[in-house]
Amino acid sequence: MDYLKINGITTVAMESTGVYWLPLYIMLEEAGIEPYLVNAKHVKNVTGRKRDDTDAIWLQKLHTCGLLQKSFQPDNEIRVLRNYTRQRKNLISLSSDAVRRMQKHLNK
């Protein structure tokens, strides 16, 4: 992050693929650099092969021209709460499936 600050970088554009972007996003925020998290579908490159290096150059060009719209990201407290509620929902779903399977085998 020091390298970015030394070179005067104030914003960074990145694609939201999976959850891999989250640690970097948080580090950039903490360093005072504004991260632009953009939907990968919205910044599809023109025809051709999809490669990380060409995608990075394309994102940089779009960001330089001000053509990227960043996705809404809640602050850390809301993010933690959202993760807890998602985990709870997944656990409830798993437990209800287990109960259903047990009932199915008991009825045989």
PDB file of N, CA and C in Angstrom:
ATOM      1  N   MET A   1       0.816  -1.189   0.000  1.00  0.00           N
ATOM      2  CA  MET A   1       0.000   0.000   0.000  1.00  0.00           C
ATOM      3  C   MET A   1       0.866   1.261   0.000  1.00  0.00           C
ATOM      4  N   ASP A   2       2.043   1.156   0.600  1.00  0.00           N
ATOM      5  CA  ASP A   2       2.941   2.309   0.610  1.00  0.00           C
ATOM      6  C   ASP A   2       3.353   2.696  -0.804  1.00  0.00           C
ATOM      7  N   TYR A   3       3.594   1.691  -1.642  1.00  0.00           N
ATOM      8  CA  TYR A   3       3.977   1.950  -3.029  1.00  0.00           C
ATOM      9  C   TYR A   3       2.899   2.760  -3.738  1.00  0.00           C
ATOM     10  N   LEU A   4       1.634   2.400  -3.516  1.00  0.00           N
ATOM     11  CA  LEU A   4       0.534   3.119  -4.158  1.00  0.00           C
ATOM     12  C   LEU A   4       0.478   4.561  -3.667  1.00  0.00           C
ATOM     13  N   LYS A   5       0.633   4.746  -2.368  1.00  0.00           N
ATOM     14  CA  LYS A   5       0.570   6.100  -1.806  1.00  0.00           C
ATOM     15  C   LYS A   5       1.739   6.959  -2.276  1.00  0.00           C
ATOM     16  N   ILE A   6       2.929   6.364  -2.323  1.00  0.00           N
ATOM     17  CA  ILE A   6       4.108   7.111  -2.767  1.00  0.00           C
ATOM     18  C   ILE A   6       3.928   7.602  -4.201  1.00  0.00           C
ATOM     19  N   ASN A   7       3.287   6.799  -5.019  1.00  0.00           N
ATOM     20  CA  ASN A   7       3.073   7.159  -6.422  1.00  0.00           C
ATOM     21  C   ASN A   7       1.790   7.941  -6.654  1.00  0.00           C
ATOM     22  N   GLY A   8       1.129   8.377  -5.602  1.00  0.00           N
ATOM     23  CA  GLY A   8      -0.027   9.258  -5.734  1.00  0.00           C
ATOM     24  C   GLY A   8      -1.313   8.578  -6.157  1.00  0.00           C
ATOM     25  N   ILE A   9      -1.407   7.286  -5.966  1.00  0.00           N
ATOM     26  CA  ILE A   9      -2.627   6.550  -6.329  1.00  0.00           C
ATOM     27  C   ILE A   9      -3.671   6.788  -5.237  1.00  0.00           C
ATOM     28  N   THR A  10      -4.840   7.286  -5.631  1.00  0.00           N
ATOM     29  CA  THR A  10      -5.906   7.549  -4.661  1.00  0.00           C
ATOM     30  C   THR A  10      -7.088   6.609  -4.823  1.00  0.00           C
ATOM     31  N   THR A  11      -7.225   5.995  -6.004  1.00  0.00           N
ATOM     32  CA  THR A  11      -8.314   5.050  -6.243  1.00  0.00           C
ATOM     33  C   THR A  11      -7.773   3.826  -6.969  1.00  0.00           C
ATOM     34  N   VAL A  12      -8.429   2.693  -6.740  1.00  0.00           N
ATOM     35  CA  VAL A  12      -8.043   1.441  -7.383  1.00  0.00           C
ATOM     36  C   VAL A  12      -9.314   0.756  -7.863  1.00  0.00           C
ATOM     37  N   ALA A  13      -9.317   0.278  -9.102  1.00  0.00           N
ATOM     38  CA  ALA A  13     -10.460  -0.454  -9.644  1.00  0.00           C
ATOM     39  C   ALA A  13     -10.154  -1.944  -9.614  1.00  0.00           C
ATOM     40  N   MET A  14     -11.151  -2.729  -9.209  1.00  0.00           N
ATOM     41  CA  MET A  14     -10.984  -4.179  -9.158  1.00  0.00           C
ATOM     42  C   MET A  14     -12.304  -4.862  -9.454  1.00  0.00           C
ATOM     43  N   GLU A  15     -12.222  -6.052 -10.072  1.00  0.00           N
ATOM     44  CA  GLU A  15     -13.427  -6.819 -10.378  1.00  0.00           C
ATOM     45  C   GLU A  15     -13.856  -7.610  -9.153  1.00  0.00           C
ATOM     46  N   SER A  16     -15.166  -7.805  -9.056  1.00  0.00           N
ATOM     47  CA  SER A  16     -15.694  -8.607  -7.952  1.00  0.00           C
ATOM     48  C   SER A  16     -15.930 -10.025  -8.436  1.00  0.00           C
ATOM     49  N   THR A  17     -14.933 -10.867  -8.248  1.00  0.00           N
ATOM     50  CA  THR A  17     -15.060 -12.267  -8.625  1.00  0.00           C
ATOM     51  C   THR A  17     -14.906 -13.108  -7.369  1.00  0.00           C
ATOM     52  N   GLY A  18     -15.942 -13.851  -7.023  1.00  0.00           N
ATOM     53  CA  GLY A  18     -15.904 -14.668  -5.814  1.00  0.00           C
ATOM     54  C   GLY A  18     -15.790 -13.802  -4.581  1.00  0.00           C
ATOM     55  N   VAL A  19     -14.989 -14.248  -3.622  1.00  0.00           N
ATOM     56  CA  VAL A  19     -14.757 -13.471  -2.407  1.00  0.00           C
ATOM     57  C   VAL A  19     -13.287 -13.101  -2.274  1.00  0.00           C
ATOM     58  N   TYR A  20     -12.527 -13.319  -3.334  1.00  0.00           N
ATOM     59  CA  TYR A  20     -11.085 -13.089  -3.284  1.00  0.00           C
ATOM     60  C   TYR A  20     -10.735 -11.612  -3.168  1.00  0.00           C
ATOM     61  N   TRP A  21     -11.612 -10.740  -3.564  1.00  0.00           N
ATOM     62  CA  TRP A  21     -11.352  -9.316  -3.555  1.00  0.00           C
ATOM     63  C   TRP A  21     -11.458  -8.715  -2.156  1.00  0.00           C
ATOM     64  N   LEU A  22     -12.157  -9.367  -1.241  1.00  0.00           N
ATOM     65  CA  LEU A  22     -12.489  -8.767   0.050  1.00  0.00           C
ATOM     66  C   LEU A  22     -11.279  -8.369   0.897  1.00  0.00           C
ATOM     67  N   PRO A  23     -10.272  -9.245   1.116  1.00  0.00           N
ATOM     68  CA  PRO A  23      -9.125  -8.806   1.935  1.00  0.00           C
ATOM     69  C   PRO A  23      -8.403  -7.600   1.347  1.00  0.00           C
ATOM     70  N   LEU A  24      -8.208  -7.596   0.030  1.00  0.00           N
ATOM     71  CA  LEU A  24      -7.546  -6.461  -0.607  1.00  0.00           C
ATOM     72  C   LEU A  24      -8.395  -5.199  -0.487  1.00  0.00           C
ATOM     73  N   TYR A  25      -9.695  -5.343  -0.658  1.00  0.00           N
ATOM     74  CA  TYR A  25     -10.620  -4.212  -0.547  1.00  0.00           C
ATOM     75  C   TYR A  25     -10.500  -3.564   0.839  1.00  0.00           C
ATOM     76  N   ILE A  26     -10.491  -4.391   1.881  1.00  0.00           N
ATOM     77  CA  ILE A  26     -10.402  -3.888   3.257  1.00  0.00           C
ATOM     78  C   ILE A  26      -9.051  -3.215   3.488  1.00  0.00           C
ATOM     79  N   MET A  27      -7.969  -3.827   2.977  1.00  0.00           N
ATOM     80  CA  MET A  27      -6.641  -3.227   3.134  1.00  0.00           C
ATOM     81  C   MET A  27      -6.554  -1.870   2.448  1.00  0.00           C
ATOM     82  N   LEU A  28      -7.139  -1.754   1.262  1.00  0.00           N
ATOM     83  CA  LEU A  28      -7.130  -0.479   0.547  1.00  0.00           C
ATOM     84  C   LEU A  28      -7.907   0.579   1.323  1.00  0.00           C
ATOM     85  N   GLU A  29      -9.070   0.199   1.841  1.00  0.00           N
ATOM     86  CA  GLU A  29      -9.868   1.153   2.632  1.00  0.00           C
ATOM     87  C   GLU A  29      -9.093   1.640   3.848  1.00  0.00           C
ATOM     88  N   GLU A  30      -8.462   0.716   4.548  1.00  0.00           N
ATOM     89  CA  GLU A  30      -7.703   1.079   5.749  1.00  0.00           C
ATOM     90  C   GLU A  30      -6.511   1.971   5.419  1.00  0.00           C
ATOM     91  N   ALA A  31      -5.955   1.822   4.217  1.00  0.00           N
ATOM     92  CA  ALA A  31      -4.814   2.633   3.802  1.00  0.00           C
ATOM     93  C   ALA A  31      -5.236   4.009   3.292  1.00  0.00           C
ATOM     94  N   GLY A  32      -6.549   4.246   3.188  1.00  0.00           N
ATOM     95  CA  GLY A  32      -7.031   5.535   2.709  1.00  0.00           C
ATOM     96  C   GLY A  32      -7.115   5.630   1.199  1.00  0.00           C
ATOM     97  N   ILE A  33      -7.068   4.493   0.522  1.00  0.00           N
ATOM     98  CA  ILE A  33      -7.200   4.460  -0.938  1.00  0.00           C
ATOM     99  C   ILE A  33      -8.613   3.991  -1.252  1.00  0.00           C
ATOM    100  N   GLU A  34      -9.294   4.724  -2.125  1.00  0.00           N
ATOM    101  CA  GLU A  34     -10.688   4.392  -2.433  1.00  0.00           C
ATOM    102  C   GLU A  34     -10.768   3.249  -3.444  1.00  0.00           C
ATOM    103  N   PRO A  35     -11.261   2.074  -2.999  1.00  0.00           N
ATOM    104  CA  PRO A  35     -11.385   0.963  -3.943  1.00  0.00           C
ATOM    105  C   PRO A  35     -12.692   1.059  -4.732  1.00  0.00           C
ATOM    106  N   TYR A  36     -12.620   0.811  -6.010  1.00  0.00           N
ATOM    107  CA  TYR A  36     -13.788   0.738  -6.879  1.00  0.00           C
ATOM    108  C   TYR A  36     -14.023  -0.726  -7.185  1.00  0.00           C
ATOM    109  N   LEU A  37     -15.006  -1.307  -6.539  1.00  0.00           N
ATOM    110  CA  LEU A  37     -15.360  -2.692  -6.804  1.00  0.00           C
ATOM    111  C   LEU A  37     -16.413  -2.690  -7.896  1.00  0.00           C
ATOM    112  N   VAL A  38     -16.077  -3.279  -9.045  1.00  0.00           N
ATOM    113  CA  VAL A  38     -16.990  -3.250 -10.180  1.00  0.00           C
ATOM    114  C   VAL A  38     -17.407  -4.664 -10.551  1.00  0.00           C
ATOM    115  N   ASN A  39     -18.621  -4.767 -11.039  1.00  0.00           N
ATOM    116  CA  ASN A  39     -19.144  -6.054 -11.474  1.00  0.00           C
ATOM    117  C   ASN A  39     -18.440  -6.473 -12.759  1.00  0.00           C
ATOM    118  N   ALA A  40     -17.939  -7.709 -12.774  1.00  0.00           N
ATOM    119  CA  ALA A  40     -17.188  -8.190 -13.928  1.00  0.00           C
ATOM    120  C   ALA A  40     -18.037  -8.199 -15.200  1.00  0.00           C
ATOM    121  N   LYS A  41     -19.335  -8.418 -15.057  1.00  0.00           N
ATOM    122  CA  LYS A  41     -20.218  -8.441 -16.233  1.00  0.00           C
ATOM    123  C   LYS A  41     -20.346  -7.066 -16.876  1.00  0.00           C
ATOM    124  N   HIS A  42     -20.189  -6.006 -16.077  1.00  0.00           N
ATOM    125  CA  HIS A  42     -20.358  -4.650 -16.591  1.00  0.00           C
ATOM    126  C   HIS A  42     -19.127  -4.146 -17.337  1.00  0.00           C
ATOM    127  N   VAL A  43     -18.008  -4.804 -17.158  1.00  0.00           N
ATOM    128  CA  VAL A  43     -16.778  -4.308 -17.782  1.00  0.00           C
ATOM    129  C   VAL A  43     -16.174  -5.331 -18.732  1.00  0.00           C
ATOM    130  N   LYS A  44     -17.022  -6.157 -19.308  1.00  0.00           N
ATOM    131  CA  LYS A  44     -16.524  -7.157 -20.253  1.00  0.00           C
ATOM    132  C   LYS A  44     -15.717  -6.480 -21.343  1.00  0.00           C
ATOM    133  N   ASN A  45     -14.591  -7.075 -21.609  1.00  0.00           N
ATOM    134  CA  ASN A  45     -13.750  -6.559 -22.684  1.00  0.00           C
ATOM    135  C   ASN A  45     -14.386  -6.943 -24.017  1.00  0.00           C
ATOM    136  N   VAL A  46     -13.932  -6.310 -25.046  1.00  0.00           N
ATOM    137  CA  VAL A  46     -14.439  -6.647 -26.362  1.00  0.00           C
ATOM    138  C   VAL A  46     -14.032  -8.083 -26.696  1.00  0.00           C
ATOM    139  N   THR A  47     -14.469  -8.554 -27.836  1.00  0.00           N
ATOM    140  CA  THR A  47     -14.235  -9.953 -28.188  1.00  0.00           C
ATOM    141  C   THR A  47     -12.763 -10.324 -28.069  1.00  0.00           C
ATOM    142  N   GLY A  48     -12.547 -11.575 -27.873  1.00  0.00           N
ATOM    143  CA  GLY A  48     -11.182 -12.081 -27.736  1.00  0.00           C
ATOM    144  C   GLY A  48     -11.053 -12.890 -26.471  1.00  0.00           C
ATOM    145  N   ARG A  49      -9.865 -13.369 -26.254  1.00  0.00           N
ATOM    146  CA  ARG A  49      -9.626 -14.181 -25.065  1.00  0.00           C
ATOM    147  C   ARG A  49      -9.641 -13.334 -23.808  1.00  0.00           C
ATOM    148  N   LYS A  50     -10.118 -13.936 -22.739  1.00  0.00           N
ATOM    149  CA  LYS A  50     -10.149 -13.243 -21.455  1.00  0.00           C
ATOM    150  C   LYS A  50      -8.885 -13.610 -20.685  1.00  0.00           C
ATOM    151  N   ARG A  51      -8.041 -12.628 -20.475  1.00  0.00           N
ATOM    152  CA  ARG A  51      -6.813 -12.850 -19.718  1.00  0.00           C
ATOM    153  C   ARG A  51      -6.710 -11.798 -18.639  1.00  0.00           C
ATOM    154  N   ASP A  52      -6.079 -12.142 -17.533  1.00  0.00           N
ATOM    155  CA  ASP A  52      -5.980 -11.229 -16.405  1.00  0.00           C
ATOM    156  C   ASP A  52      -5.212  -9.958 -16.745  1.00  0.00           C
ATOM    157  N   ASP A  53      -4.122 -10.084 -17.479  1.00  0.00           N
ATOM    158  CA  ASP A  53      -3.328  -8.892 -17.776  1.00  0.00           C
ATOM    159  C   ASP A  53      -4.069  -7.924 -18.693  1.00  0.00           C
ATOM    160  N   THR A  54      -4.764  -8.449 -19.707  1.00  0.00           N
ATOM    161  CA  THR A  54      -5.517  -7.557 -20.598  1.00  0.00           C
ATOM    162  C   THR A  54      -6.752  -6.991 -19.887  1.00  0.00           C
ATOM    163  N   ASP A  55      -7.357  -7.779 -19.002  1.00  0.00           N
ATOM    164  CA  ASP A  55      -8.489  -7.265 -18.224  1.00  0.00           C
ATOM    165  C   ASP A  55      -8.047  -6.129 -17.298  1.00  0.00           C
ATOM    166  N   ALA A  56      -6.884  -6.270 -16.701  1.00  0.00           N
ATOM    167  CA  ALA A  56      -6.374  -5.226 -15.810  1.00  0.00           C
ATOM    168  C   ALA A  56      -6.127  -3.928 -16.577  1.00  0.00           C
ATOM    169  N   ILE A  57      -5.574  -4.044 -17.765  1.00  0.00           N
ATOM    170  CA  ILE A  57      -5.331  -2.855 -18.593  1.00  0.00           C
ATOM    171  C   ILE A  57      -6.655  -2.213 -18.989  1.00  0.00           C
ATOM    172  N   TRP A  58      -7.640  -3.042 -19.346  1.00  0.00           N
ATOM    173  CA  TRP A  58      -8.963  -2.539 -19.734  1.00  0.00           C
ATOM    174  C   TRP A  58      -9.634  -1.833 -18.554  1.00  0.00           C
ATOM    175  N   LEU A  59      -9.568  -2.426 -17.378  1.00  0.00           N
ATOM    176  CA  LEU A  59     -10.140  -1.795 -16.183  1.00  0.00           C
ATOM    177  C   LEU A  59      -9.469  -0.454 -15.907  1.00  0.00           C
ATOM    178  N   GLN A  60      -8.160  -0.413 -16.044  1.00  0.00           N
ATOM    179  CA  GLN A  60      -7.419   0.817 -15.788  1.00  0.00           C
ATOM    180  C   GLN A  60      -7.843   1.915 -16.758  1.00  0.00           C
ATOM    181  N   LYS A  61      -8.026   1.560 -18.026  1.00  0.00           N
ATOM    182  CA  LYS A  61      -8.452   2.552 -19.032  1.00  0.00           C
ATOM    183  C   LYS A  61      -9.850   3.081 -18.713  1.00  0.00           C
ATOM    184  N   LEU A  62     -10.761   2.156 -18.390  1.00  0.00           N
ATOM    185  CA  LEU A  62     -12.124   2.580 -18.060  1.00  0.00           C
ATOM    186  C   LEU A  62     -12.143   3.452 -16.808  1.00  0.00           C
ATOM    187  N   HIS A  63     -11.346   3.084 -15.831  1.00  0.00           N
ATOM    188  CA  HIS A  63     -11.300   3.834 -14.566  1.00  0.00           C
ATOM    189  C   HIS A  63     -10.696   5.219 -14.779  1.00  0.00           C
ATOM    190  N   THR A  64      -9.671   5.290 -15.609  1.00  0.00           N
ATOM    191  CA  THR A  64      -9.041   6.575 -15.907  1.00  0.00           C
ATOM    192  C   THR A  64     -10.017   7.530 -16.576  1.00  0.00           C
ATOM    193  N   CYS A  65     -10.882   6.974 -17.426  1.00  0.00           N
ATOM    194  CA  CYS A  65     -11.870   7.805 -18.130  1.00  0.00           C
ATOM    195  C   CYS A  65     -13.101   8.094 -17.277  1.00  0.00           C
ATOM    196  N   GLY A  66     -13.178   7.503 -16.098  1.00  0.00           N
ATOM    197  CA  GLY A  66     -14.325   7.734 -15.229  1.00  0.00           C
ATOM    198  C   GLY A  66     -15.572   6.986 -15.652  1.00  0.00           C
ATOM    199  N   LEU A  67     -15.401   5.868 -16.347  1.00  0.00           N
ATOM    200  CA  LEU A  67     -16.541   5.123 -16.876  1.00  0.00           C
ATOM    201  C   LEU A  67     -17.003   3.978 -15.974  1.00  0.00           C
ATOM    202  N   LEU A  68     -16.341   3.779 -14.843  1.00  0.00           N
ATOM    203  CA  LEU A  68     -16.707   2.675 -13.960  1.00  0.00           C
ATOM    204  C   LEU A  68     -17.643   3.150 -12.861  1.00  0.00           C
ATOM    205  N   GLN A  69     -18.637   2.335 -12.604  1.00  0.00           N
ATOM    206  CA  GLN A  69     -19.557   2.617 -11.501  1.00  0.00           C
ATOM    207  C   GLN A  69     -19.266   1.598 -10.404  1.00  0.00           C
ATOM    208  N   LYS A  70     -18.928   2.096  -9.224  1.00  0.00           N
ATOM    209  CA  LYS A  70     -18.565   1.149  -8.173  1.00  0.00           C
ATOM    210  C   LYS A  70     -19.805   0.582  -7.494  1.00  0.00           C
ATOM    211  N   SER A  71     -19.667  -0.659  -7.080  1.00  0.00           N
ATOM    212  CA  SER A  71     -20.755  -1.351  -6.394  1.00  0.00           C
ATOM    213  C   SER A  71     -20.842  -0.873  -4.955  1.00  0.00           C
ATOM    214  N   PHE A  72     -22.057  -0.910  -4.413  1.00  0.00           N
ATOM    215  CA  PHE A  72     -22.243  -0.530  -3.015  1.00  0.00           C
ATOM    216  C   PHE A  72     -21.570  -1.551  -2.112  1.00  0.00           C
ATOM    217  N   GLN A  73     -20.821  -1.067  -1.144  1.00  0.00           N
ATOM    218  CA  GLN A  73     -20.214  -1.921  -0.142  1.00  0.00           C
ATOM    219  C   GLN A  73     -20.495  -1.309   1.223  1.00  0.00           C
ATOM    220  N   PRO A  74     -21.101  -2.082   2.121  1.00  0.00           N
ATOM    221  CA  PRO A  74     -21.373  -1.551   3.454  1.00  0.00           C
ATOM    222  C   PRO A  74     -20.093  -1.435   4.268  1.00  0.00           C
ATOM    223  N   ASP A  75     -20.173  -0.699   5.376  1.00  0.00           N
ATOM    224  CA  ASP A  75     -18.997  -0.595   6.236  1.00  0.00           C
ATOM    225  C   ASP A  75     -18.734  -1.938   6.933  1.00  0.00           C
ATOM    226  N   ASN A  76     -17.626  -2.031   7.649  1.00  0.00           N
ATOM    227  CA  ASN A  76     -17.202  -3.312   8.229  1.00  0.00           C
ATOM    228  C   ASN A  76     -18.196  -3.890   9.218  1.00  0.00           C
ATOM    229  N   GLU A  77     -18.842  -3.051  10.024  1.00  0.00           N
ATOM    230  CA  GLU A  77     -19.796  -3.568  11.016  1.00  0.00           C
ATOM    231  C   GLU A  77     -20.976  -4.253  10.328  1.00  0.00           C
ATOM    232  N   ILE A  78     -21.499  -3.637   9.300  1.00  0.00           N
ATOM    233  CA  ILE A  78     -22.617  -4.226   8.551  1.00  0.00           C
ATOM    234  C   ILE A  78     -22.149  -5.473   7.817  1.00  0.00           C
ATOM    235  N   ARG A  79     -20.929  -5.434   7.296  1.00  0.00           N
ATOM    236  CA  ARG A  79     -20.376  -6.599   6.583  1.00  0.00           C
ATOM    237  C   ARG A  79     -20.289  -7.814   7.509  1.00  0.00           C
ATOM    238  N   VAL A  80     -19.835  -7.594   8.738  1.00  0.00           N
ATOM    239  CA  VAL A  80     -19.745  -8.686   9.719  1.00  0.00           C
ATOM    240  C   VAL A  80     -21.128  -9.214  10.039  1.00  0.00           C
ATOM    241  N   LEU A  81     -22.078  -8.325  10.262  1.00  0.00           N
ATOM    242  CA  LEU A  81     -23.449  -8.737  10.550  1.00  0.00           C
ATOM    243  C   LEU A  81     -24.042  -9.524   9.383  1.00  0.00           C
ATOM    244  N   ARG A  82     -23.784  -9.080   8.172  1.00  0.00           N
ATOM    245  CA  ARG A  82     -24.277  -9.777   6.989  1.00  0.00           C
ATOM    246  C   ARG A  82     -23.680 -11.190   6.894  1.00  0.00           C
ATOM    247  N   ASN A  83     -22.389 -11.316   7.213  1.00  0.00           N
ATOM    248  CA  ASN A  83     -21.758 -12.636   7.195  1.00  0.00           C
ATOM    249  C   ASN A  83     -22.384 -13.567   8.232  1.00  0.00           C
ATOM    250  N   TYR A  84     -22.680 -13.046   9.422  1.00  0.00           N
ATOM    251  CA  TYR A  84     -23.329 -13.859  10.460  1.00  0.00           C
ATOM    252  C   TYR A  84     -24.710 -14.331  10.016  1.00  0.00           C
ATOM    253  N   THR A  85     -25.486 -13.428   9.436  1.00  0.00           N
ATOM    254  CA  THR A  85     -26.835 -13.823   9.019  1.00  0.00           C
ATOM    255  C   THR A  85     -26.794 -14.829   7.877  1.00  0.00           C
ATOM    256  N   ARG A  86     -25.838 -14.684   6.963  1.00  0.00           N
ATOM    257  CA  ARG A  86     -25.705 -15.661   5.880  1.00  0.00           C
ATOM    258  C   ARG A  86     -25.288 -17.027   6.418  1.00  0.00           C
ATOM    259  N   GLN A  87     -24.360 -17.024   7.378  1.00  0.00           N
ATOM    260  CA  GLN A  87     -23.933 -18.278   7.977  1.00  0.00           C
ATOM    261  C   GLN A  87     -25.090 -18.943   8.710  1.00  0.00           C
ATOM    262  N   ARG A  88     -25.877 -18.161   9.436  1.00  0.00           N
ATOM    263  CA  ARG A  88     -27.043 -18.704  10.158  1.00  0.00           C
ATOM    264  C   ARG A  88     -28.036 -19.324   9.179  1.00  0.00           C
ATOM    265  N   LYS A  89     -28.287 -18.621   8.089  1.00  0.00           N
ATOM    266  CA  LYS A  89     -29.216 -19.132   7.075  1.00  0.00           C
ATOM    267  C   LYS A  89     -28.716 -20.457   6.502  1.00  0.00           C
ATOM    268  N   ASN A  90     -27.415 -20.546   6.226  1.00  0.00           N
ATOM    269  CA  ASN A  90     -26.845 -21.788   5.698  1.00  0.00           C
ATOM    270  C   ASN A  90     -26.949 -22.925   6.709  1.00  0.00           C
ATOM    271  N   LEU A  91     -26.684 -22.639   7.976  1.00  0.00           N
ATOM    272  CA  LEU A  91     -26.768 -23.677   9.003  1.00  0.00           C
ATOM    273  C   LEU A  91     -28.201 -24.172   9.183  1.00  0.00           C
ATOM    274  N   ILE A  92     -29.166 -23.262   9.137  1.00  0.00           N
ATOM    275  CA  ILE A  92     -30.576 -23.652   9.248  1.00  0.00           C
ATOM    276  C   ILE A  92     -30.965 -24.532   8.070  1.00  0.00           C
ATOM    277  N   SER A  93     -30.514 -24.168   6.889  1.00  0.00           N
ATOM    278  CA  SER A  93     -30.818 -24.964   5.710  1.00  0.00           C
ATOM    279  C   SER A  93     -30.219 -26.365   5.814  1.00  0.00           C
ATOM    280  N   LEU A  94     -28.981 -26.448   6.264  1.00  0.00           N
ATOM    281  CA  LEU A  94     -28.327 -27.746   6.419  1.00  0.00           C
ATOM    282  C   LEU A  94     -29.031 -28.606   7.468  1.00  0.00           C
ATOM    283  N   SER A  95     -29.421 -27.979   8.567  1.00  0.00           N
ATOM    284  CA  SER A  95     -30.072 -28.756   9.634  1.00  0.00           C
ATOM    285  C   SER A  95     -31.453 -29.230   9.194  1.00  0.00           C
ATOM    286  N   SER A  96     -32.180 -28.414   8.463  1.00  0.00           N
ATOM    287  CA  SER A  96     -33.508 -28.838   8.012  1.00  0.00           C
ATOM    288  C   SER A  96     -33.388 -29.985   7.005  1.00  0.00           C
ATOM    289  N   ASP A  97     -32.342 -29.958   6.167  1.00  0.00           N
ATOM    290  CA  ASP A  97     -32.113 -31.074   5.248  1.00  0.00           C
ATOM    291  C   ASP A  97     -31.794 -32.353   6.014  1.00  0.00           C
ATOM    292  N   ALA A  98     -30.992 -32.242   7.072  1.00  0.00           N
ATOM    293  CA  ALA A  98     -30.641 -33.419   7.873  1.00  0.00           C
ATOM    294  C   ALA A  98     -31.873 -33.999   8.552  1.00  0.00           C
ATOM    295  N   VAL A  99     -32.732 -33.146   9.085  1.00  0.00           N
ATOM    296  CA  VAL A  99     -33.973 -33.611   9.731  1.00  0.00           C
ATOM    297  C   VAL A  99     -34.868 -34.296   8.706  1.00  0.00           C
ATOM    298  N   ARG A 100     -34.976 -33.722   7.525  1.00  0.00           N
ATOM    299  CA  ARG A 100     -35.790 -34.318   6.470  1.00  0.00           C
ATOM    300  C   ARG A 100     -35.274 -35.707   6.099  1.00  0.00           C
ATOM    301  N   ARG A 101     -33.957 -35.856   5.989  1.00  0.00           N
ATOM    302  CA  ARG A 101     -33.374 -37.161   5.656  1.00  0.00           C
ATOM    303  C   ARG A 101     -33.629 -38.186   6.763  1.00  0.00           C
ATOM    304  N   MET A 102     -33.504 -37.750   8.019  1.00  0.00           N
ATOM    305  CA  MET A 102     -33.768 -38.668   9.134  1.00  0.00           C
ATOM    306  C   MET A 102     -35.221 -39.122   9.117  1.00  0.00           C
ATOM    307  N   GLN A 103     -36.152 -38.205   8.895  1.00  0.00           N
ATOM    308  CA  GLN A 103     -37.569 -38.551   8.850  1.00  0.00           C
ATOM    309  C   GLN A 103     -37.849 -39.519   7.693  1.00  0.00           C
ATOM    310  N   LYS A 104     -37.204 -39.310   6.574  1.00  0.00           N
ATOM    311  CA  LYS A 104     -37.391 -40.172   5.421  1.00  0.00           C
ATOM    312  C   LYS A 104     -36.971 -41.596   5.759  1.00  0.00           C
ATOM    313  N   HIS A 105     -35.827 -41.755   6.429  1.00  0.00           N
ATOM    314  CA  HIS A 105     -35.342 -43.092   6.770  1.00  0.00           C
ATOM    315  C   HIS A 105     -36.141 -43.727   7.895  1.00  0.00           C
ATOM    316  N   LEU A 106     -36.695 -42.926   8.784  1.00  0.00           N
ATOM    317  CA  LEU A 106     -37.518 -43.483   9.868  1.00  0.00           C
ATOM    318  C   LEU A 106     -38.861 -43.973   9.351  1.00  0.00           C
ATOM    319  N   ASN A 107     -39.342 -43.388   8.263  1.00  0.00           N
ATOM    320  CA  ASN A 107     -40.642 -43.788   7.703  1.00  0.00           C
ATOM    321  C   ASN A 107     -40.557 -45.063   6.866  1.00  0.00           C
ATOM    322  N   LYS A 108     -39.371 -45.552   6.562  1.00  0.00           N
ATOM    323  CA  LYS A 108     -39.240 -46.758   5.748  1.00  0.00           C
ATOM    324  C   LYS A 108     -39.661 -47.989   6.479  1.00  0.00           C
TER     325      LYS A 108
END
